[in-house]
């Protein structure tokens, strides 16, 4: 797990939350925060889509 991350609210009409990762080269990478919901039990998990990351 990475600890150099933080959560920001983009303050739009429908709030979009984003995770910001602080990189070792002092740059930042922004990821939209996504959520998965189990329709049977109601369990929710937050995640970011890293499939396009190099």
C-alpha atoms as a PDB file:
ATOM      1  CA  UNK A   1       0.000   0.000   0.000  1.00  0.00           C
ATOM      2  CA  UNK A   2       1.146   3.509  -0.746  1.00  0.00           C
ATOM      3  CA  UNK A   3       0.828   6.169   1.921  1.00  0.00           C
ATOM      4  CA  UNK A   4       1.856   9.203  -0.155  1.00  0.00           C
ATOM      5  CA  UNK A   5      -1.694   9.726  -1.405  1.00  0.00           C
ATOM      6  CA  UNK A   6      -4.560  12.001  -0.436  1.00  0.00           C
ATOM      7  CA  UNK A   7      -8.216  12.511  -1.264  1.00  0.00           C
ATOM      8  CA  UNK A   8      -9.561  15.719  -2.841  1.00  0.00           C
ATOM      9  CA  UNK A   9     -13.083  16.910  -3.642  1.00  0.00           C
ATOM     10  CA  UNK A  10     -13.256  18.570  -7.059  1.00  0.00           C
ATOM     11  CA  UNK A  11     -16.247  20.660  -5.823  1.00  0.00           C
ATOM     12  CA  UNK A  12     -18.351  20.254  -8.927  1.00  0.00           C
ATOM     13  CA  UNK A  13     -22.160  20.159  -8.951  1.00  0.00           C
ATOM     14  CA  UNK A  14     -21.995  16.394  -8.532  1.00  0.00           C
ATOM     15  CA  UNK A  15     -18.890  15.992  -6.412  1.00  0.00           C
ATOM     16  CA  UNK A  16     -16.181  13.865  -7.975  1.00  0.00           C
ATOM     17  CA  UNK A  17     -13.574  12.613  -5.541  1.00  0.00           C
ATOM     18  CA  UNK A  18     -10.022  12.112  -6.735  1.00  0.00           C
ATOM     19  CA  UNK A  19      -6.977  10.394  -5.271  1.00  0.00           C
ATOM     20  CA  UNK A  20      -3.681  12.214  -5.719  1.00  0.00           C
ATOM     21  CA  UNK A  21      -0.466  10.168  -5.624  1.00  0.00           C
ATOM     22  CA  UNK A  22       2.783  11.962  -4.818  1.00  0.00           C
ATOM     23  CA  UNK A  23       5.466  10.426  -7.037  1.00  0.00           C
ATOM     24  CA  UNK A  24       9.129  10.017  -6.123  1.00  0.00           C
ATOM     25  CA  UNK A  25      10.099  12.661  -8.711  1.00  0.00           C
ATOM     26  CA  UNK A  26       7.903  15.224  -6.869  1.00  0.00           C
ATOM     27  CA  UNK A  27       5.149  15.117  -9.489  1.00  0.00           C
ATOM     28  CA  UNK A  28       1.562  14.161  -8.753  1.00  0.00           C
ATOM     29  CA  UNK A  29      -0.786  11.725 -10.494  1.00  0.00           C
ATOM     30  CA  UNK A  30      -4.540  12.271 -10.283  1.00  0.00           C
ATOM     31  CA  UNK A  31      -6.987   9.319 -10.315  1.00  0.00           C
ATOM     32  CA  UNK A  32     -10.794   9.528 -10.160  1.00  0.00           C
ATOM     33  CA  UNK A  33     -12.076   7.598  -7.150  1.00  0.00           C
ATOM     34  CA  UNK A  34     -14.393   4.786  -8.253  1.00  0.00           C
ATOM     35  CA  UNK A  35     -16.683   2.604  -6.163  1.00  0.00           C
ATOM     36  CA  UNK A  36     -17.957  -0.967  -6.452  1.00  0.00           C
ATOM     37  CA  UNK A  37     -21.201  -2.047  -4.795  1.00  0.00           C
ATOM     38  CA  UNK A  38     -22.349  -5.604  -4.064  1.00  0.00           C
ATOM     39  CA  UNK A  39     -26.080  -5.653  -4.862  1.00  0.00           C
ATOM     40  CA  UNK A  40     -26.643  -8.630  -2.541  1.00  0.00           C
ATOM     41  CA  UNK A  41     -25.043  -7.489   0.717  1.00  0.00           C
ATOM     42  CA  UNK A  42     -24.461  -3.754   0.179  1.00  0.00           C
ATOM     43  CA  UNK A  43     -20.668  -3.948   0.680  1.00  0.00           C
ATOM     44  CA  UNK A  44     -18.902  -0.965  -0.918  1.00  0.00           C
ATOM     45  CA  UNK A  45     -15.225  -0.752  -1.952  1.00  0.00           C
ATOM     46  CA  UNK A  46     -13.391   2.266  -3.306  1.00  0.00           C
ATOM     47  CA  UNK A  47     -10.721   1.832  -5.999  1.00  0.00           C
ATOM     48  CA  UNK A  48      -8.831   3.603  -8.796  1.00  0.00           C
ATOM     49  CA  UNK A  49      -8.353   2.262 -12.316  1.00  0.00           C
ATOM     50  CA  UNK A  50      -4.617   1.695 -12.861  1.00  0.00           C
ATOM     51  CA  UNK A  51      -4.855  -0.272 -16.134  1.00  0.00           C
ATOM     52  CA  UNK A  52      -3.544   2.659 -18.218  1.00  0.00           C
ATOM     53  CA  UNK A  53      -0.582   3.304 -15.925  1.00  0.00           C
ATOM     54  CA  UNK A  54       2.869   2.644 -17.348  1.00  0.00           C
END
